[in-house]
mmCIF file of all heavy atoms, coordinates in Angstrom:
data_MODEL
# 
_entry.id   MODEL 
# 
loop_
_atom_site.group_PDB 
_atom_site.id 
_atom_site.type_symbol 
_atom_site.label_atom_id 
_atom_site.label_alt_id 
_atom_site.label_comp_id 
_atom_site.label_asym_id 
_atom_site.label_entity_id 
_atom_site.label_seq_id 
_atom_site.pdbx_PDB_ins_code 
_atom_site.Cartn_x 
_atom_site.Cartn_y 
_atom_site.Cartn_z 
_atom_site.occupancy 
_atom_site.B_iso_or_equiv 
_atom_site.pdbx_formal_charge 
_atom_site.auth_seq_id 
_atom_site.auth_comp_id 
_atom_site.auth_asym_id 
_atom_site.auth_atom_id 
_atom_site.pdbx_PDB_model_num 
ATOM 1   N N   . SER A 1 1  ? 3.084   -24.993 -1.110  1.00 0.00 ? 1  SER A N   1 
ATOM 2   C CA  . SER A 1 1  ? 4.091   -25.150 -0.068  1.00 0.00 ? 1  SER A CA  1 
ATOM 3   C C   . SER A 1 1  ? 4.453   -23.796 0.544   1.00 0.00 ? 1  SER A C   1 
ATOM 4   O O   . SER A 1 1  ? 5.219   -23.722 1.493   1.00 0.00 ? 1  SER A O   1 
ATOM 5   C CB  . SER A 1 1  ? 5.345   -25.810 -0.647  1.00 0.00 ? 1  SER A CB  1 
ATOM 6   O OG  . SER A 1 1  ? 5.863   -25.006 -1.683  1.00 0.00 ? 1  SER A OG  1 
ATOM 7   N N   . LYS A 1 2  ? 3.874   -22.739 -0.027  1.00 0.00 ? 2  LYS A N   1 
ATOM 8   C CA  . LYS A 1 2  ? 4.149   -21.393 0.485   1.00 0.00 ? 2  LYS A CA  1 
ATOM 9   C C   . LYS A 1 2  ? 3.332   -21.135 1.749   1.00 0.00 ? 2  LYS A C   1 
ATOM 10  O O   . LYS A 1 2  ? 2.221   -21.646 1.890   1.00 0.00 ? 2  LYS A O   1 
ATOM 11  C CB  . LYS A 1 2  ? 3.730   -20.340 -0.546  1.00 0.00 ? 2  LYS A CB  1 
ATOM 12  C CG  . LYS A 1 2  ? 4.525   -20.318 -1.813  1.00 0.00 ? 2  LYS A CG  1 
ATOM 13  C CD  . LYS A 1 2  ? 3.987   -19.184 -2.695  1.00 0.00 ? 2  LYS A CD  1 
ATOM 14  C CE  . LYS A 1 2  ? 4.315   -19.409 -4.142  1.00 0.00 ? 2  LYS A CE  1 
ATOM 15  N NZ  . LYS A 1 2  ? 3.642   -18.426 -4.987  1.00 0.00 ? 2  LYS A NZ  1 
ATOM 16  N N   . PRO A 1 3  ? 3.847   -20.281 2.638   1.00 0.00 ? 3  PRO A N   1 
ATOM 17  C CA  . PRO A 1 3  ? 3.030   -19.853 3.772   1.00 0.00 ? 3  PRO A CA  1 
ATOM 18  C C   . PRO A 1 3  ? 1.841   -19.022 3.265   1.00 0.00 ? 3  PRO A C   1 
ATOM 19  O O   . PRO A 1 3  ? 1.880   -18.475 2.165   1.00 0.00 ? 3  PRO A O   1 
ATOM 20  C CB  . PRO A 1 3  ? 3.986   -19.003 4.613   1.00 0.00 ? 3  PRO A CB  1 
ATOM 21  C CG  . PRO A 1 3  ? 5.109   -18.641 3.714   1.00 0.00 ? 3  PRO A CG  1 
ATOM 22  C CD  . PRO A 1 3  ? 5.173   -19.679 2.628   1.00 0.00 ? 3  PRO A CD  1 
ATOM 23  N N   . THR A 1 4  ? 0.799   -18.955 4.071   1.00 0.00 ? 4  THR A N   1 
ATOM 24  C CA  . THR A 1 4  ? -0.403  -18.217 3.688   1.00 0.00 ? 4  THR A CA  1 
ATOM 25  C C   . THR A 1 4  ? -0.355  -16.782 4.206   1.00 0.00 ? 4  THR A C   1 
ATOM 26  O O   . THR A 1 4  ? 0.314   -16.499 5.202   1.00 0.00 ? 4  THR A O   1 
ATOM 27  C CB  . THR A 1 4  ? -1.665  -18.910 4.225   1.00 0.00 ? 4  THR A CB  1 
ATOM 28  O OG1 . THR A 1 4  ? -1.561  -19.017 5.655   1.00 0.00 ? 4  THR A OG1 1 
ATOM 29  C CG2 . THR A 1 4  ? -1.844  -20.296 3.604   1.00 0.00 ? 4  THR A CG2 1 
ATOM 30  N N   . ALA A 1 5  ? -1.092  -15.907 3.517   1.00 0.00 ? 5  ALA A N   1 
ATOM 31  C CA  . ALA A 1 5  ? -1.132  -14.498 3.929   1.00 0.00 ? 5  ALA A CA  1 
ATOM 32  C C   . ALA A 1 5  ? -2.502  -13.899 3.691   1.00 0.00 ? 5  ALA A C   1 
ATOM 33  O O   . ALA A 1 5  ? -3.247  -14.321 2.801   1.00 0.00 ? 5  ALA A O   1 
ATOM 34  C CB  . ALA A 1 5  ? -0.087  -13.690 3.166   1.00 0.00 ? 5  ALA A CB  1 
ATOM 35  N N   . ALA A 1 6  ? -2.801  -12.900 4.483   1.00 0.00 ? 6  ALA A N   1 
ATOM 36  C CA  . ALA A 1 6  ? -3.976  -12.045 4.307   1.00 0.00 ? 6  ALA A CA  1 
ATOM 37  C C   . ALA A 1 6  ? -3.458  -10.615 4.154   1.00 0.00 ? 6  ALA A C   1 
ATOM 38  O O   . ALA A 1 6  ? -2.546  -10.203 4.881   1.00 0.00 ? 6  ALA A O   1 
ATOM 39  C CB  . ALA A 1 6  ? -4.914  -12.157 5.502   1.00 0.00 ? 6  ALA A CB  1 
ATOM 40  N N   . ILE A 1 7  ? -4.027  -9.890  3.194   1.00 0.00 ? 7  ILE A N   1 
ATOM 41  C CA  . ILE A 1 7  ? -3.582  -8.530  2.873   1.00 0.00 ? 7  ILE A CA  1 
ATOM 42  C C   . ILE A 1 7  ? -4.683  -7.533  3.216   1.00 0.00 ? 7  ILE A C   1 
ATOM 43  O O   . ILE A 1 7  ? -5.857  -7.758  2.894   1.00 0.00 ? 7  ILE A O   1 
ATOM 44  C CB  . ILE A 1 7  ? -3.243  -8.415  1.370   1.00 0.00 ? 7  ILE A CB  1 
ATOM 45  C CG1 . ILE A 1 7  ? -2.140  -9.394  0.987   1.00 0.00 ? 7  ILE A CG1 1 
ATOM 46  C CG2 . ILE A 1 7  ? -2.869  -6.973  1.000   1.00 0.00 ? 7  ILE A CG2 1 
ATOM 47  C CD1 . ILE A 1 7  ? -1.942  -9.537  -0.525  1.00 0.00 ? 7  ILE A CD1 1 
ATOM 48  N N   . PHE A 1 8  ? -4.270  -6.416  3.810   1.00 0.00 ? 8  PHE A N   1 
ATOM 49  C CA  . PHE A 1 8  ? -5.191  -5.359  4.203   1.00 0.00 ? 8  PHE A CA  1 
ATOM 50  C C   . PHE A 1 8  ? -4.609  -4.023  3.744   1.00 0.00 ? 8  PHE A C   1 
ATOM 51  O O   . PHE A 1 8  ? -3.550  -3.624  4.221   1.00 0.00 ? 8  PHE A O   1 
ATOM 52  C CB  . PHE A 1 8  ? -5.389  -5.365  5.722   1.00 0.00 ? 8  PHE A CB  1 
ATOM 53  C CG  . PHE A 1 8  ? -5.829  -6.713  6.225   1.00 0.00 ? 8  PHE A CG  1 
ATOM 54  C CD1 . PHE A 1 8  ? -4.893  -7.658  6.608   1.00 0.00 ? 8  PHE A CD1 1 
ATOM 55  C CD2 . PHE A 1 8  ? -7.173  -7.061  6.242   1.00 0.00 ? 8  PHE A CD2 1 
ATOM 56  C CE1 . PHE A 1 8  ? -5.274  -8.925  7.026   1.00 0.00 ? 8  PHE A CE1 1 
ATOM 57  C CE2 . PHE A 1 8  ? -7.573  -8.328  6.659   1.00 0.00 ? 8  PHE A CE2 1 
ATOM 58  C CZ  . PHE A 1 8  ? -6.624  -9.261  7.043   1.00 0.00 ? 8  PHE A CZ  1 
ATOM 59  N N   . VAL A 1 9  ? -5.295  -3.351  2.809   1.00 0.00 ? 9  VAL A N   1 
ATOM 60  C CA  . VAL A 1 9  ? -4.785  -2.105  2.230   1.00 0.00 ? 9  VAL A CA  1 
ATOM 61  C C   . VAL A 1 9  ? -5.630  -0.917  2.674   1.00 0.00 ? 9  VAL A C   1 
ATOM 62  O O   . VAL A 1 9  ? -6.826  -0.849  2.387   1.00 0.00 ? 9  VAL A O   1 
ATOM 63  C CB  . VAL A 1 9  ? -4.780  -2.149  0.683   1.00 0.00 ? 9  VAL A CB  1 
ATOM 64  C CG1 . VAL A 1 9  ? -4.187  -0.855  0.115   1.00 0.00 ? 9  VAL A CG1 1 
ATOM 65  C CG2 . VAL A 1 9  ? -4.035  -3.366  0.159   1.00 0.00 ? 9  VAL A CG2 1 
ATOM 66  N N   . ASP A 1 10 ? -4.995  0.021   3.340   1.00 0.00 ? 10 ASP A N   1 
ATOM 67  C CA  . ASP A 1 10 ? -5.597  1.313   3.679   1.00 0.00 ? 10 ASP A CA  1 
ATOM 68  C C   . ASP A 1 10 ? -5.377  2.202   2.445   1.00 0.00 ? 10 ASP A C   1 
ATOM 69  O O   . ASP A 1 10 ? -4.363  2.886   2.332   1.00 0.00 ? 10 ASP A O   1 
ATOM 70  C CB  . ASP A 1 10 ? -4.886  1.858   4.922   1.00 0.00 ? 10 ASP A CB  1 
ATOM 71  C CG  . ASP A 1 10 ? -5.460  3.165   5.433   1.00 0.00 ? 10 ASP A CG  1 
ATOM 72  O OD1 . ASP A 1 10 ? -6.250  3.813   4.722   1.00 0.00 ? 10 ASP A OD1 1 
ATOM 73  O OD2 . ASP A 1 10 ? -5.067  3.547   6.556   1.00 0.00 ? 10 ASP A OD2 1 
ATOM 74  N N   . VAL A 1 11 ? -6.317  2.135   1.492   1.00 0.00 ? 11 VAL A N   1 
ATOM 75  C CA  . VAL A 1 11 ? -6.132  2.748   0.178   1.00 0.00 ? 11 VAL A CA  1 
ATOM 76  C C   . VAL A 1 11 ? -5.817  4.240   0.264   1.00 0.00 ? 11 VAL A C   1 
ATOM 77  O O   . VAL A 1 11 ? -4.889  4.723   -0.391  1.00 0.00 ? 11 VAL A O   1 
ATOM 78  C CB  . VAL A 1 11 ? -7.367  2.488   -0.731  1.00 0.00 ? 11 VAL A CB  1 
ATOM 79  C CG1 . VAL A 1 11 ? -7.276  3.286   -2.022  1.00 0.00 ? 11 VAL A CG1 1 
ATOM 80  C CG2 . VAL A 1 11 ? -7.497  1.005   -1.029  1.00 0.00 ? 11 VAL A CG2 1 
ATOM 81  N N   . GLN A 1 12 ? -6.562  4.982   1.068   1.00 0.00 ? 12 GLN A N   1 
ATOM 82  C CA  . GLN A 1 12 ? -6.325  6.427   1.162   1.00 0.00 ? 12 GLN A CA  1 
ATOM 83  C C   . GLN A 1 12 ? -4.936  6.716   1.704   1.00 0.00 ? 12 GLN A C   1 
ATOM 84  O O   . GLN A 1 12 ? -4.233  7.580   1.200   1.00 0.00 ? 12 GLN A O   1 
ATOM 85  C CB  . GLN A 1 12 ? -7.392  7.099   2.043   1.00 0.00 ? 12 GLN A CB  1 
ATOM 86  C CG  . GLN A 1 12 ? -8.560  7.706   1.296   1.00 0.00 ? 12 GLN A CG  1 
ATOM 87  C CD  . GLN A 1 12 ? -9.423  6.706   0.518   1.00 0.00 ? 12 GLN A CD  1 
ATOM 88  O OE1 . GLN A 1 12 ? -9.497  5.526   0.848   1.00 0.00 ? 12 GLN A OE1 1 
ATOM 89  N NE2 . GLN A 1 12 ? -10.074 7.179   -0.524  1.00 0.00 ? 12 GLN A NE2 1 
ATOM 90  N N   . ASN A 1 13 ? -4.531  5.995   2.739   1.00 0.00 ? 13 ASN A N   1 
ATOM 91  C CA  . ASN A 1 13 ? -3.217  6.218   3.330   1.00 0.00 ? 13 ASN A CA  1 
ATOM 92  C C   . ASN A 1 13 ? -2.118  5.959   2.307   1.00 0.00 ? 13 ASN A C   1 
ATOM 93  O O   . ASN A 1 13 ? -1.189  6.762   2.163   1.00 0.00 ? 13 ASN A O   1 
ATOM 94  C CB  . ASN A 1 13 ? -3.050  5.322   4.564   1.00 0.00 ? 13 ASN A CB  1 
ATOM 95  C CG  . ASN A 1 13 ? -1.731  5.542   5.266   1.00 0.00 ? 13 ASN A CG  1 
ATOM 96  O OD1 . ASN A 1 13 ? -0.694  5.036   4.837   1.00 0.00 ? 13 ASN A OD1 1 
ATOM 97  N ND2 . ASN A 1 13 ? -1.749  6.307   6.340   1.00 0.00 ? 13 ASN A ND2 1 
ATOM 98  N N   . ILE A 1 14 ? -2.215  4.861   1.580   1.00 0.00 ? 14 ILE A N   1 
ATOM 99  C CA  . ILE A 1 14 ? -1.189  4.526   0.585   1.00 0.00 ? 14 ILE A CA  1 
ATOM 100 C C   . ILE A 1 14 ? -1.187  5.553   -0.553  1.00 0.00 ? 14 ILE A C   1 
ATOM 101 O O   . ILE A 1 14 ? -0.124  5.982   -1.001  1.00 0.00 ? 14 ILE A O   1 
ATOM 102 C CB  . ILE A 1 14 ? -1.387  3.081   0.058   1.00 0.00 ? 14 ILE A CB  1 
ATOM 103 C CG1 . ILE A 1 14 ? -1.096  2.072   1.177   1.00 0.00 ? 14 ILE A CG1 1 
ATOM 104 C CG2 . ILE A 1 14 ? -0.537  2.802   -1.178  1.00 0.00 ? 14 ILE A CG2 1 
ATOM 105 C CD1 . ILE A 1 14 ? 0.322   2.124   1.748   1.00 0.00 ? 14 ILE A CD1 1 
ATOM 106 N N   . TYR A 1 15 ? -2.357  5.963   -0.985  1.00 0.00 ? 15 TYR A N   1 
ATOM 107 C CA  . TYR A 1 15 ? -2.441  6.955   -2.066  1.00 0.00 ? 15 TYR A CA  1 
ATOM 108 C C   . TYR A 1 15 ? -1.728  8.258   -1.655  1.00 0.00 ? 15 TYR A C   1 
ATOM 109 O O   . TYR A 1 15 ? -0.859  8.747   -2.365  1.00 0.00 ? 15 TYR A O   1 
ATOM 110 C CB  . TYR A 1 15 ? -3.902  7.243   -2.433  1.00 0.00 ? 15 TYR A CB  1 
ATOM 111 C CG  . TYR A 1 15 ? -4.032  8.358   -3.439  1.00 0.00 ? 15 TYR A CG  1 
ATOM 112 C CD1 . TYR A 1 15 ? -3.793  8.128   -4.794  1.00 0.00 ? 15 TYR A CD1 1 
ATOM 113 C CD2 . TYR A 1 15 ? -4.356  9.652   -3.039  1.00 0.00 ? 15 TYR A CD2 1 
ATOM 114 C CE1 . TYR A 1 15 ? -3.887  9.152   -5.725  1.00 0.00 ? 15 TYR A CE1 1 
ATOM 115 C CE2 . TYR A 1 15 ? -4.451  10.679  -3.961  1.00 0.00 ? 15 TYR A CE2 1 
ATOM 116 C CZ  . TYR A 1 15 ? -4.218  10.427  -5.305  1.00 0.00 ? 15 TYR A CZ  1 
ATOM 117 O OH  . TYR A 1 15 ? -4.304  11.457  -6.220  1.00 0.00 ? 15 TYR A OH  1 
ATOM 118 N N   . TYR A 1 16 ? -2.115  8.794   -0.505  1.00 0.00 ? 16 TYR A N   1 
ATOM 119 C CA  . TYR A 1 16 ? -1.579  10.096  -0.107  1.00 0.00 ? 16 TYR A CA  1 
ATOM 120 C C   . TYR A 1 16 ? -0.102  10.038  0.286   1.00 0.00 ? 16 TYR A C   1 
ATOM 121 O O   . TYR A 1 16 ? 0.651   10.965  -0.024  1.00 0.00 ? 16 TYR A O   1 
ATOM 122 C CB  . TYR A 1 16 ? -2.428  10.726  1.009   1.00 0.00 ? 16 TYR A CB  1 
ATOM 123 C CG  . TYR A 1 16 ? -3.760  11.198  0.474   1.00 0.00 ? 16 TYR A CG  1 
ATOM 124 C CD1 . TYR A 1 16 ? -4.940  10.557  0.814   1.00 0.00 ? 16 TYR A CD1 1 
ATOM 125 C CD2 . TYR A 1 16 ? -3.831  12.270  -0.418  1.00 0.00 ? 16 TYR A CD2 1 
ATOM 126 C CE1 . TYR A 1 16 ? -6.160  10.981  0.289   1.00 0.00 ? 16 TYR A CE1 1 
ATOM 127 C CE2 . TYR A 1 16 ? -5.040  12.694  -0.944  1.00 0.00 ? 16 TYR A CE2 1 
ATOM 128 C CZ  . TYR A 1 16 ? -6.200  12.047  -0.586  1.00 0.00 ? 16 TYR A CZ  1 
ATOM 129 O OH  . TYR A 1 16 ? -7.400  12.461  -1.104  1.00 0.00 ? 16 TYR A OH  1 
ATOM 130 N N   . THR A 1 17 ? 0.335   8.962   0.945   1.00 0.00 ? 17 THR A N   1 
ATOM 131 C CA  . THR A 1 17 ? 1.746   8.900   1.323   1.00 0.00 ? 17 THR A CA  1 
ATOM 132 C C   . THR A 1 17 ? 2.641   8.696   0.094   1.00 0.00 ? 17 THR A C   1 
ATOM 133 O O   . THR A 1 17 ? 3.721   9.276   0.033   1.00 0.00 ? 17 THR A O   1 
ATOM 134 C CB  . THR A 1 17 ? 2.018   7.811   2.382   1.00 0.00 ? 17 THR A CB  1 
ATOM 135 O OG1 . THR A 1 17 ? 1.586   6.547   1.903   1.00 0.00 ? 17 THR A OG1 1 
ATOM 136 C CG2 . THR A 1 17 ? 1.331   8.136   3.699   1.00 0.00 ? 17 THR A CG2 1 
ATOM 137 N N   . CYS A 1 18 ? 2.181   7.908   -0.881  1.00 0.00 ? 18 CYS A N   1 
ATOM 138 C CA  . CYS A 1 18 ? 2.982   7.732   -2.107  1.00 0.00 ? 18 CYS A CA  1 
ATOM 139 C C   . CYS A 1 18 ? 3.046   9.039   -2.896  1.00 0.00 ? 18 CYS A C   1 
ATOM 140 O O   . CYS A 1 18 ? 4.100   9.391   -3.434  1.00 0.00 ? 18 CYS A O   1 
ATOM 141 C CB  . CYS A 1 18 ? 2.400   6.624   -2.986  1.00 0.00 ? 18 CYS A CB  1 
ATOM 142 S SG  . CYS A 1 18 ? 2.735   4.967   -2.353  1.00 0.00 ? 18 CYS A SG  1 
ATOM 143 N N   . ARG A 1 19 ? 1.927   9.757   -2.958  1.00 0.00 ? 19 ARG A N   1 
ATOM 144 C CA  . ARG A 1 19 ? 1.916   11.042  -3.662  1.00 0.00 ? 19 ARG A CA  1 
ATOM 145 C C   . ARG A 1 19 ? 2.859   12.031  -2.979  1.00 0.00 ? 19 ARG A C   1 
ATOM 146 O O   . ARG A 1 19 ? 3.612   12.733  -3.639  1.00 0.00 ? 19 ARG A O   1 
ATOM 147 C CB  . ARG A 1 19 ? 0.502   11.640  -3.723  1.00 0.00 ? 19 ARG A CB  1 
ATOM 148 C CG  . ARG A 1 19 ? -0.515  10.824  -4.483  1.00 0.00 ? 19 ARG A CG  1 
ATOM 149 C CD  . ARG A 1 19 ? -0.253  10.661  -5.957  1.00 0.00 ? 19 ARG A CD  1 
ATOM 150 N NE  . ARG A 1 19 ? -0.194  11.922  -6.663  1.00 0.00 ? 19 ARG A NE  1 
ATOM 151 C CZ  . ARG A 1 19 ? 0.276   12.069  -7.897  1.00 0.00 ? 19 ARG A CZ  1 
ATOM 152 N NH1 . ARG A 1 19 ? 0.704   11.032  -8.568  1.00 0.00 ? 19 ARG A NH1 1 
ATOM 153 N NH2 . ARG A 1 19 ? 0.295   13.242  -8.477  1.00 0.00 ? 19 ARG A NH2 1 
ATOM 154 N N   . GLU A 1 20 ? 2.812   12.071  -1.645  1.00 0.00 ? 20 GLU A N   1 
ATOM 155 C CA  . GLU A 1 20 ? 3.648   13.031  -0.918  1.00 0.00 ? 20 GLU A CA  1 
ATOM 156 C C   . GLU A 1 20 ? 5.121   12.644  -0.937  1.00 0.00 ? 20 GLU A C   1 
ATOM 157 O O   . GLU A 1 20 ? 5.984   13.494  -1.129  1.00 0.00 ? 20 GLU A O   1 
ATOM 158 C CB  . GLU A 1 20 ? 3.149   13.176  0.528   1.00 0.00 ? 20 GLU A CB  1 
ATOM 159 C CG  . GLU A 1 20 ? 3.851   14.306  1.263   1.00 0.00 ? 20 GLU A CG  1 
ATOM 160 C CD  . GLU A 1 20 ? 3.245   14.605  2.617   1.00 0.00 ? 20 GLU A CD  1 
ATOM 161 O OE1 . GLU A 1 20 ? 2.016   14.521  2.766   1.00 0.00 ? 20 GLU A OE1 1 
ATOM 162 O OE2 . GLU A 1 20 ? 4.025   14.947  3.524   1.00 0.00 ? 20 GLU A OE2 1 
ATOM 163 N N   . SER A 1 21 ? 5.408   11.365  -0.743  1.00 0.00 ? 21 SER A N   1 
ATOM 164 C CA  . SER A 1 21 ? 6.805   10.911  -0.674  1.00 0.00 ? 21 SER A CA  1 
ATOM 165 C C   . SER A 1 21 ? 7.487   10.828  -2.029  1.00 0.00 ? 21 SER A C   1 
ATOM 166 O O   . SER A 1 21 ? 8.665   11.129  -2.145  1.00 0.00 ? 21 SER A O   1 
ATOM 167 C CB  . SER A 1 21 ? 6.889   9.521   -0.040  1.00 0.00 ? 21 SER A CB  1 
ATOM 168 O OG  . SER A 1 21 ? 6.545   9.567   1.301   1.00 0.00 ? 21 SER A OG  1 
ATOM 169 N N   . HIS A 1 22 ? 6.747   10.354  -3.025  1.00 0.00 ? 22 HIS A N   1 
ATOM 170 C CA  . HIS A 1 22 ? 7.366   10.017  -4.312  1.00 0.00 ? 22 HIS A CA  1 
ATOM 171 C C   . HIS A 1 22 ? 6.767   10.745  -5.520  1.00 0.00 ? 22 HIS A C   1 
ATOM 172 O O   . HIS A 1 22 ? 7.255   10.566  -6.634  1.00 0.00 ? 22 HIS A O   1 
ATOM 173 C CB  . HIS A 1 22 ? 7.263   8.503   -4.556  1.00 0.00 ? 22 HIS A CB  1 
ATOM 174 C CG  . HIS A 1 22 ? 7.877   7.672   -3.479  1.00 0.00 ? 22 HIS A CG  1 
ATOM 175 N ND1 . HIS A 1 22 ? 9.243   7.555   -3.298  1.00 0.00 ? 22 HIS A ND1 1 
ATOM 176 C CD2 . HIS A 1 22 ? 7.315   6.915   -2.497  1.00 0.00 ? 22 HIS A CD2 1 
ATOM 177 C CE1 . HIS A 1 22 ? 9.486   6.756   -2.265  1.00 0.00 ? 22 HIS A CE1 1 
ATOM 178 N NE2 . HIS A 1 22 ? 8.342   6.367   -1.762  1.00 0.00 ? 22 HIS A NE2 1 
ATOM 179 N N   . ARG A 1 23 ? 5.651   11.469  -5.302  1.00 0.00 ? 23 ARG A N   1 
ATOM 180 C CA  . ARG A 1 23 ? 4.948   12.139  -6.409  1.00 0.00 ? 23 ARG A CA  1 
ATOM 181 C C   . ARG A 1 23 ? 4.485   11.136  -7.468  1.00 0.00 ? 23 ARG A C   1 
ATOM 182 O O   . ARG A 1 23 ? 4.430   11.444  -8.650  1.00 0.00 ? 23 ARG A O   1 
ATOM 183 C CB  . ARG A 1 23 ? 5.810   13.221  -7.080  1.00 0.00 ? 23 ARG A CB  1 
ATOM 184 C CG  . ARG A 1 23 ? 6.415   14.237  -6.148  1.00 0.00 ? 23 ARG A CG  1 
ATOM 185 C CD  . ARG A 1 23 ? 5.471   15.399  -5.885  1.00 0.00 ? 23 ARG A CD  1 
ATOM 186 N NE  . ARG A 1 23 ? 6.039   16.391  -5.009  1.00 0.00 ? 23 ARG A NE  1 
ATOM 187 C CZ  . ARG A 1 23 ? 5.852   16.415  -3.674  1.00 0.00 ? 23 ARG A CZ  1 
ATOM 188 N NH1 . ARG A 1 23 ? 5.148   15.483  -3.091  1.00 0.00 ? 23 ARG A NH1 1 
ATOM 189 N NH2 . ARG A 1 23 ? 6.367   17.362  -2.944  1.00 0.00 ? 23 ARG A NH2 1 
ATOM 190 N N   . ARG A 1 24 ? 4.234   9.904   -7.022  1.00 0.00 ? 24 ARG A N   1 
ATOM 191 C CA  . ARG A 1 24 ? 3.800   8.838   -7.924  1.00 0.00 ? 24 ARG A CA  1 
ATOM 192 C C   . ARG A 1 24 ? 2.731   7.991   -7.244  1.00 0.00 ? 24 ARG A C   1 
ATOM 193 O O   . ARG A 1 24 ? 2.544   8.074   -6.034  1.00 0.00 ? 24 ARG A O   1 
ATOM 194 C CB  . ARG A 1 24 ? 5.004   7.956   -8.314  1.00 0.00 ? 24 ARG A CB  1 
ATOM 195 C CG  . ARG A 1 24 ? 5.954   8.698   -9.241  1.00 0.00 ? 24 ARG A CG  1 
ATOM 196 C CD  . ARG A 1 24 ? 7.333   8.106   -9.282  1.00 0.00 ? 24 ARG A CD  1 
ATOM 197 N NE  . ARG A 1 24 ? 7.376   6.771   -9.877  1.00 0.00 ? 24 ARG A NE  1 
ATOM 198 C CZ  . ARG A 1 24 ? 8.442   5.980   -9.780  1.00 0.00 ? 24 ARG A CZ  1 
ATOM 199 N NH1 . ARG A 1 24 ? 9.506   6.373   -9.128  1.00 0.00 ? 24 ARG A NH1 1 
ATOM 200 N NH2 . ARG A 1 24 ? 8.434   4.792   -10.336 1.00 0.00 ? 24 ARG A NH2 1 
ATOM 201 N N   . ASN A 1 25 ? 2.101   7.142   -8.029  1.00 0.00 ? 25 ASN A N   1 
ATOM 202 C CA  . ASN A 1 25 ? 1.071   6.253   -7.500  1.00 0.00 ? 25 ASN A CA  1 
ATOM 203 C C   . ASN A 1 25 ? 1.637   4.866   -7.217  1.00 0.00 ? 25 ASN A C   1 
ATOM 204 O O   . ASN A 1 25 ? 2.584   4.415   -7.872  1.00 0.00 ? 25 ASN A O   1 
ATOM 205 C CB  . ASN A 1 25 ? -0.105  6.136   -8.476  1.00 0.00 ? 25 ASN A CB  1 
ATOM 206 C CG  . ASN A 1 25 ? -0.930  7.402   -8.526  1.00 0.00 ? 25 ASN A CG  1 
ATOM 207 O OD1 . ASN A 1 25 ? -1.154  8.052   -7.507  1.00 0.00 ? 25 ASN A OD1 1 
ATOM 208 N ND2 . ASN A 1 25 ? -1.376  7.767   -9.708  1.00 0.00 ? 25 ASN A ND2 1 
# 
């Protein structure tokens, strides 16, 4: 009964922004 979704992950972008913003993965 849930709506459907498609996920798209820009892995490099998420890796580097999390490292820079939070110093974590």
